[in-house]
Amino acid sequence: MDSKIQQLTDAIYNEGVQKARDEAEVILKEAQKKATQIEEEARMNAATMMADTRKKAQEFRNHVDSEIKLTINQAVSALKQEISSLITLKVLQPAVKELFSDKEYLKTLISGIVKGWMQKESVDLNLILPEGDKVKMSEFFANSLASELNKGLEVTFSGDVLSGFKIGPADGSYQISFTDEDFMNFLKAYLRPKTNQLLFGESK
């Protein structure tokens, strides 16, 4: 009797142990399978992240390269313009300064503009000259433009005008400036393209 009970106990124990072993093996295999899946997913995610990082790094590098090239091109263009402007100014400045220091030339220019304007337009004119030219130019206006002075030409002298002159309707609606700086700016617009062509082989 005791022997049968012992055998039954042993059988139940062995069956339980075997079942536990089988379940443990199934659980272990399932865990290994899930671990393999997780590892594979992690590897794929890492590969995707690396590819995305490389792509973004390349895009950033391309953007930086593009910005650097643009900045360099702009700097070179600005430097060329500066060189061109300096050379053009060196060529123009002495000639224009000399021209505007020639009072006889200015008298002829002013006389032609005033007479031509007043023949075509029946408006009073205001002529503004440098304060420093007041003594030299007053006699000229009294002798050469007396008729125009009687017809509505007003001549004033201003410390704000350093060279040349300004002229416009007496109502102040607009003014046309004929200073050495105006002439240089006007001439530079025409000479700069030629200067660029001579210096850098550019047509503009």
C-alpha atoms as a PDB file:
ATOM      1  CA  MET A   1       0.000   0.000   0.000  1.00  0.00           C
ATOM      2  CA  ASP A   2       2.684   2.421   1.001  1.00  0.00           C
ATOM      3  CA  SER A   3       4.616   1.413  -2.109  1.00  0.00           C
ATOM      4  CA  LYS A   4       1.683   2.283  -4.408  1.00  0.00           C
ATOM      5  CA  ILE A   5       1.172   5.613  -2.718  1.00  0.00           C
ATOM      6  CA  GLN A   6       4.856   6.340  -3.134  1.00  0.00           C
ATOM      7  CA  GLN A   7       4.719   5.376  -6.817  1.00  0.00           C
ATOM      8  CA  LEU A   8       1.648   7.575  -7.367  1.00  0.00           C
ATOM      9  CA  THR A   9       3.321  10.455  -5.557  1.00  0.00           C
ATOM     10  CA  ASP A  10       6.447  10.000  -7.608  1.00  0.00           C
ATOM     11  CA  ALA A  11       4.417   9.863 -10.834  1.00  0.00           C
ATOM     12  CA  ILE A  12       2.507  13.030  -9.969  1.00  0.00           C
ATOM     13  CA  TYR A  13       5.732  14.761  -8.986  1.00  0.00           C
ATOM     14  CA  ASN A  14       7.544  13.658 -12.136  1.00  0.00           C
ATOM     15  CA  GLU A  15       4.577  14.645 -14.307  1.00  0.00           C
ATOM     16  CA  GLY A  16       4.450  18.075 -12.603  1.00  0.00           C
ATOM     17  CA  VAL A  17       8.177  18.568 -12.989  1.00  0.00           C
ATOM     18  CA  GLN A  18       8.063  17.554 -16.643  1.00  0.00           C
ATOM     19  CA  LYS A  19       5.095  19.815 -17.276  1.00  0.00           C
ATOM     20  CA  ALA A  20       6.891  22.676 -15.554  1.00  0.00           C
ATOM     21  CA  ARG A  21       9.975  21.961 -17.644  1.00  0.00           C
ATOM     22  CA  ASP A  22       7.903  21.902 -20.839  1.00  0.00           C
ATOM     23  CA  GLU A  23       6.167  25.174 -19.924  1.00  0.00           C
ATOM     24  CA  ALA A  24       9.475  26.740 -18.958  1.00  0.00           C
ATOM     25  CA  GLU A  25      10.954  25.661 -22.305  1.00  0.00           C
ATOM     26  CA  VAL A  26       7.975  27.144 -24.185  1.00  0.00           C
ATOM     27  CA  ILE A  27       8.269  30.378 -22.196  1.00  0.00           C
ATOM     28  CA  LEU A  28      12.018  30.462 -22.809  1.00  0.00           C
ATOM     29  CA  LYS A  29      11.560  29.893 -26.540  1.00  0.00           C
ATOM     30  CA  GLU A  30       8.874  32.581 -26.687  1.00  0.00           C
ATOM     31  CA  ALA A  31      11.127  34.953 -24.746  1.00  0.00           C
ATOM     32  CA  GLN A  32      14.025  34.209 -27.091  1.00  0.00           C
ATOM     33  CA  LYS A  33      11.754  34.748 -30.097  1.00  0.00           C
ATOM     34  CA  LYS A  34      10.534  38.084 -28.707  1.00  0.00           C
ATOM     35  CA  ALA A  35      14.106  39.080 -27.828  1.00  0.00           C
ATOM     36  CA  THR A  36      15.160  38.291 -31.410  1.00  0.00           C
ATOM     37  CA  GLN A  37      12.212  40.332 -32.753  1.00  0.00           C
ATOM     38  CA  ILE A  38      13.040  43.243 -30.437  1.00  0.00           C
ATOM     39  CA  GLU A  39      16.703  43.071 -31.443  1.00  0.00           C
ATOM     40  CA  GLU A  40      15.783  43.000 -35.134  1.00  0.00           C
ATOM     41  CA  GLU A  41      13.352  45.917 -34.709  1.00  0.00           C
ATOM     42  CA  ALA A  42      15.993  47.846 -32.776  1.00  0.00           C
ATOM     43  CA  ARG A  43      18.538  47.123 -35.536  1.00  0.00           C
ATOM     44  CA  MET A  44      16.080  48.271 -38.226  1.00  0.00           C
ATOM     45  CA  ASN A  45      15.158  51.393 -36.256  1.00  0.00           C
ATOM     46  CA  ALA A  46      18.824  52.168 -35.708  1.00  0.00           C
ATOM     47  CA  ALA A  47      19.525  51.717 -39.412  1.00  0.00           C
ATOM     48  CA  THR A  48      16.577  53.969 -40.301  1.00  0.00           C
ATOM     49  CA  MET A  49      17.708  56.594 -37.797  1.00  0.00           C
ATOM     50  CA  MET A  50      21.269  56.459 -39.123  1.00  0.00           C
ATOM     51  CA  ALA A  51      20.063  56.826 -42.708  1.00  0.00           C
ATOM     52  CA  ASP A  52      17.817  59.734 -41.707  1.00  0.00           C
ATOM     53  CA  THR A  53      20.673  61.337 -39.762  1.00  0.00           C
ATOM     54  CA  ARG A  54      23.022  60.957 -42.747  1.00  0.00           C
ATOM     55  CA  LYS A  55      20.388  62.445 -45.047  1.00  0.00           C
ATOM     56  CA  LYS A  56      19.791  65.419 -42.744  1.00  0.00           C
ATOM     57  CA  ALA A  57      23.539  65.898 -42.270  1.00  0.00           C
ATOM     58  CA  GLN A  58      24.025  65.927 -46.062  1.00  0.00           C
ATOM     59  CA  GLU A  59      21.135  68.375 -46.498  1.00  0.00           C
ATOM     60  CA  PHE A  60      22.622  70.624 -43.808  1.00  0.00           C
ATOM     61  CA  ARG A  61      26.069  70.390 -45.432  1.00  0.00           C
ATOM     62  CA  ASN A  62      24.577  71.266 -48.825  1.00  0.00           C
ATOM     63  CA  HIS A  63      22.703  74.200 -47.280  1.00  0.00           C
ATOM     64  CA  VAL A  64      25.858  75.463 -45.541  1.00  0.00           C
ATOM     65  CA  ASP A  65      27.884  75.068 -48.766  1.00  0.00           C
ATOM     66  CA  SER A  66      25.222  76.968 -50.689  1.00  0.00           C
ATOM     67  CA  GLU A  67      25.154  79.776 -48.095  1.00  0.00           C
ATOM     68  CA  ILE A  68      28.959  79.991 -48.092  1.00  0.00           C
ATOM     69  CA  LYS A  69      29.074  80.185 -51.912  1.00  0.00           C
ATOM     70  CA  LEU A  70      26.339  82.829 -51.929  1.00  0.00           C
ATOM     71  CA  THR A  71      28.125  84.865 -49.246  1.00  0.00           C
ATOM     72  CA  ILE A  72      31.448  84.609 -51.101  1.00  0.00           C
ATOM     73  CA  ASN A  73      29.821  85.640 -54.399  1.00  0.00           C
ATOM     74  CA  GLN A  74      28.113  88.592 -52.727  1.00  0.00           C
ATOM     75  CA  ALA A  75      31.364  89.627 -51.026  1.00  0.00           C
ATOM     76  CA  VAL A  76      33.305  89.389 -54.306  1.00  0.00           C
ATOM     77  CA  SER A  77      30.603  91.334 -56.146  1.00  0.00           C
ATOM     78  CA  ALA A  78      30.552  94.032 -53.440  1.00  0.00           C
ATOM     79  CA  LEU A  79      34.361  94.239 -53.516  1.00  0.00           C
ATOM     80  CA  LYS A  80      34.355  94.603 -57.310  1.00  0.00           C
ATOM     81  CA  GLN A  81      31.751  97.367 -57.081  1.00  0.00           C
ATOM     82  CA  GLU A  82      33.787  99.127 -54.402  1.00  0.00           C
ATOM     83  CA  ILE A  83      36.965  98.918 -56.490  1.00  0.00           C
ATOM     84  CA  SER A  84      35.102 100.073 -59.590  1.00  0.00           C
ATOM     85  CA  SER A  85      33.531 102.996 -57.705  1.00  0.00           C
ATOM     86  CA  LEU A  86      36.874 104.073 -56.224  1.00  0.00           C
ATOM     87  CA  ILE A  87      38.631 103.992 -59.592  1.00  0.00           C
ATOM     88  CA  THR A  88      35.738 105.769 -61.324  1.00  0.00           C
ATOM     89  CA  LEU A  89      35.748 108.396 -58.572  1.00  0.00           C
ATOM     90  CA  LYS A  90      39.521 108.851 -58.888  1.00  0.00           C
ATOM     91  CA  VAL A  91      39.091 109.487 -62.607  1.00  0.00           C
ATOM     92  CA  LEU A  92      36.019 111.734 -62.341  1.00  0.00           C
ATOM     93  CA  GLN A  93      36.622 113.755 -59.200  1.00  0.00           C
ATOM     94  CA  PRO A  94      39.533 115.935 -60.366  1.00  0.00           C
ATOM     95  CA  ALA A  95      37.888 116.706 -63.712  1.00  0.00           C
ATOM     96  CA  VAL A  96      34.492 117.529 -62.192  1.00  0.00           C
ATOM     97  CA  LYS A  97      36.036 119.583 -59.383  1.00  0.00           C
ATOM     98  CA  GLU A  98      38.014 121.551 -61.945  1.00  0.00           C
ATOM     99  CA  LEU A  99      34.915 122.030 -64.090  1.00  0.00           C
ATOM    100  CA  PHE A 100      32.842 123.374 -61.180  1.00  0.00           C
ATOM    101  CA  SER A 101      35.620 125.655 -60.004  1.00  0.00           C
ATOM    102  CA  ASP A 102      35.557 127.315 -63.455  1.00  0.00           C
ATOM    103  CA  LYS A 103      33.224 130.256 -62.778  1.00  0.00           C
ATOM    104  CA  GLU A 104      33.080 131.245 -66.449  1.00  0.00           C
ATOM    105  CA  TYR A 105      31.798 127.780 -67.350  1.00  0.00           C
ATOM    106  CA  LEU A 106      29.209 127.976 -64.556  1.00  0.00           C
ATOM    107  CA  LYS A 107      28.070 131.405 -65.727  1.00  0.00           C
ATOM    108  CA  THR A 108      27.569 130.089 -69.257  1.00  0.00           C
ATOM    109  CA  LEU A 109      25.751 126.993 -67.989  1.00  0.00           C
ATOM    110  CA  ILE A 110      23.481 128.951 -65.631  1.00  0.00           C
ATOM    111  CA  SER A 111      22.724 131.575 -68.265  1.00  0.00           C
ATOM    112  CA  GLY A 112      21.764 128.949 -70.841  1.00  0.00           C
ATOM    113  CA  ILE A 113      19.533 127.030 -68.433  1.00  0.00           C
ATOM    114  CA  VAL A 114      17.789 130.139 -67.046  1.00  0.00           C
ATOM    115  CA  LYS A 115      17.118 131.711 -70.456  1.00  0.00           C
ATOM    116  CA  GLY A 116      15.983 128.449 -72.011  1.00  0.00           C
ATOM    117  CA  TRP A 117      13.696 127.662 -69.102  1.00  0.00           C
ATOM    118  CA  MET A 118      12.092 131.083 -68.946  1.00  0.00           C
ATOM    119  CA  GLN A 119      11.454 131.091 -72.691  1.00  0.00           C
ATOM    120  CA  LYS A 120       9.525 127.809 -72.441  1.00  0.00           C
ATOM    121  CA  GLU A 121       7.900 128.160 -69.022  1.00  0.00           C
ATOM    122  CA  SER A 122       6.043 131.211 -67.742  1.00  0.00           C
ATOM    123  CA  VAL A 123       6.911 130.564 -64.090  1.00  0.00           C
ATOM    124  CA  ASP A 124       9.055 132.443 -61.602  1.00  0.00           C
ATOM    125  CA  LEU A 125      12.389 130.718 -60.993  1.00  0.00           C
ATOM    126  CA  ASN A 126      14.486 130.395 -57.884  1.00  0.00           C
ATOM    127  CA  LEU A 127      18.227 129.954 -58.419  1.00  0.00           C
ATOM    128  CA  ILE A 128      20.298 128.896 -55.401  1.00  0.00           C
ATOM    129  CA  LEU A 129      24.079 129.315 -55.391  1.00  0.00           C
ATOM    130  CA  PRO A 130      26.852 128.694 -52.852  1.00  0.00           C
ATOM    131  CA  GLU A 131      27.220 131.442 -50.266  1.00  0.00           C
ATOM    132  CA  GLY A 132      30.907 131.651 -51.127  1.00  0.00           C
ATOM    133  CA  ASP A 133      30.127 132.675 -54.734  1.00  0.00           C
ATOM    134  CA  LYS A 134      27.969 135.655 -53.754  1.00  0.00           C
ATOM    135  CA  VAL A 135      30.556 138.362 -54.499  1.00  0.00           C
ATOM    136  CA  LYS A 136      31.791 136.808 -57.755  1.00  0.00           C
ATOM    137  CA  MET A 137      28.365 135.964 -59.189  1.00  0.00           C
ATOM    138  CA  SER A 138      26.231 138.955 -58.131  1.00  0.00           C
ATOM    139  CA  GLU A 139      27.774 141.256 -60.754  1.00  0.00           C
ATOM    140  CA  PHE A 140      27.262 138.626 -63.440  1.00  0.00           C
ATOM    141  CA  PHE A 141      23.531 138.364 -62.713  1.00  0.00           C
ATOM    142  CA  ALA A 142      23.132 142.125 -62.632  1.00  0.00           C
ATOM    143  CA  ASN A 143      24.796 142.465 -66.055  1.00  0.00           C
ATOM    144  CA  SER A 144      23.942 139.275 -67.963  1.00  0.00           C
ATOM    145  CA  LEU A 145      20.582 138.188 -66.536  1.00  0.00           C
ATOM    146  CA  ALA A 146      19.020 141.575 -65.726  1.00  0.00           C
ATOM    147  CA  SER A 147      16.102 140.900 -68.095  1.00  0.00           C
ATOM    148  CA  GLU A 148      15.392 137.525 -66.462  1.00  0.00           C
ATOM    149  CA  LEU A 149      15.643 139.048 -62.990  1.00  0.00           C
ATOM    150  CA  ASN A 150      12.943 141.524 -63.999  1.00  0.00           C
ATOM    151  CA  LYS A 151      10.769 138.690 -65.351  1.00  0.00           C
ATOM    152  CA  GLY A 152      10.671 136.640 -62.140  1.00  0.00           C
ATOM    153  CA  LEU A 153      14.134 135.137 -61.614  1.00  0.00           C
ATOM    154  CA  GLU A 154      15.103 135.148 -57.949  1.00  0.00           C
ATOM    155  CA  VAL A 155      18.721 134.480 -57.017  1.00  0.00           C
ATOM    156  CA  THR A 156      19.616 133.363 -53.492  1.00  0.00           C
ATOM    157  CA  PHE A 157      22.836 132.178 -51.878  1.00  0.00           C
ATOM    158  CA  SER A 158      22.920 129.340 -49.372  1.00  0.00           C
ATOM    159  CA  GLY A 159      25.536 127.747 -47.155  1.00  0.00           C
ATOM    160  CA  ASP A 160      23.871 124.374 -47.822  1.00  0.00           C
ATOM    161  CA  VAL A 161      24.965 124.461 -51.468  1.00  0.00           C
ATOM    162  CA  LEU A 162      28.709 123.848 -51.581  1.00  0.00           C
ATOM    163  CA  SER A 163      29.250 123.849 -55.338  1.00  0.00           C
ATOM    164  CA  GLY A 164      27.329 124.366 -58.576  1.00  0.00           C
ATOM    165  CA  PHE A 165      23.732 125.465 -58.160  1.00  0.00           C
ATOM    166  CA  LYS A 166      20.107 124.415 -57.713  1.00  0.00           C
ATOM    167  CA  ILE A 167      17.193 125.706 -59.731  1.00  0.00           C
ATOM    168  CA  GLY A 168      13.440 125.260 -59.737  1.00  0.00           C
ATOM    169  CA  PRO A 169      10.079 127.042 -59.674  1.00  0.00           C
ATOM    170  CA  ALA A 170       9.846 129.758 -57.048  1.00  0.00           C
ATOM    171  CA  ASP A 171       6.881 127.972 -55.442  1.00  0.00           C
ATOM    172  CA  GLY A 172       9.327 125.247 -54.315  1.00  0.00           C
ATOM    173  CA  SER A 173       7.361 122.427 -55.986  1.00  0.00           C
ATOM    174  CA  TYR A 174      10.646 120.845 -57.095  1.00  0.00           C
ATOM    175  CA  GLN A 175      14.336 121.598 -57.611  1.00  0.00           C
ATOM    176  CA  ILE A 176      16.955 120.400 -60.063  1.00  0.00           C
ATOM    177  CA  SER A 177      20.419 120.116 -58.574  1.00  0.00           C
ATOM    178  CA  PHE A 178      23.604 120.807 -60.573  1.00  0.00           C
ATOM    179  CA  THR A 179      26.347 120.213 -57.998  1.00  0.00           C
ATOM    180  CA  ASP A 180      29.690 118.489 -58.542  1.00  0.00           C
ATOM    181  CA  GLU A 181      28.364 115.508 -56.554  1.00  0.00           C
ATOM    182  CA  ASP A 182      25.290 115.276 -58.809  1.00  0.00           C
ATOM    183  CA  PHE A 183      27.483 115.321 -61.901  1.00  0.00           C
ATOM    184  CA  MET A 184      29.779 112.639 -60.486  1.00  0.00           C
ATOM    185  CA  ASN A 185      26.836 110.387 -59.619  1.00  0.00           C
ATOM    186  CA  PHE A 186      25.374 110.960 -63.072  1.00  0.00           C
ATOM    187  CA  LEU A 187      28.647 110.204 -64.861  1.00  0.00           C
ATOM    188  CA  LYS A 188      29.475 107.228 -62.636  1.00  0.00           C
ATOM    189  CA  ALA A 189      26.309 105.495 -63.843  1.00  0.00           C
ATOM    190  CA  TYR A 190      27.725 105.618 -67.374  1.00  0.00           C
ATOM    191  CA  LEU A 191      31.384 104.963 -66.587  1.00  0.00           C
ATOM    192  CA  ARG A 192      31.008 102.126 -64.058  1.00  0.00           C
ATOM    193  CA  PRO A 193      29.992  99.467 -66.650  1.00  0.00           C
ATOM    194  CA  LYS A 194      32.996 100.374 -68.788  1.00  0.00           C
ATOM    195  CA  THR A 195      35.253 100.305 -65.721  1.00  0.00           C
ATOM    196  CA  ASN A 196      33.912  96.852 -64.755  1.00  0.00           C
ATOM    197  CA  GLN A 197      34.565  95.610 -68.262  1.00  0.00           C
ATOM    198  CA  LEU A 198      38.127  96.916 -68.267  1.00  0.00           C
ATOM    199  CA  LEU A 199      38.920  95.625 -64.767  1.00  0.00           C
ATOM    200  CA  PHE A 200      37.029  92.345 -64.568  1.00  0.00           C
ATOM    201  CA  GLY A 201      35.949  91.550 -68.124  1.00  0.00           C
ATOM    202  CA  GLU A 202      32.313  92.127 -67.164  1.00  0.00           C
ATOM    203  CA  SER A 203      29.709  93.842 -69.307  1.00  0.00           C
ATOM    204  CA  LYS A 204      27.853  95.352 -66.344  1.00  0.00           C
END
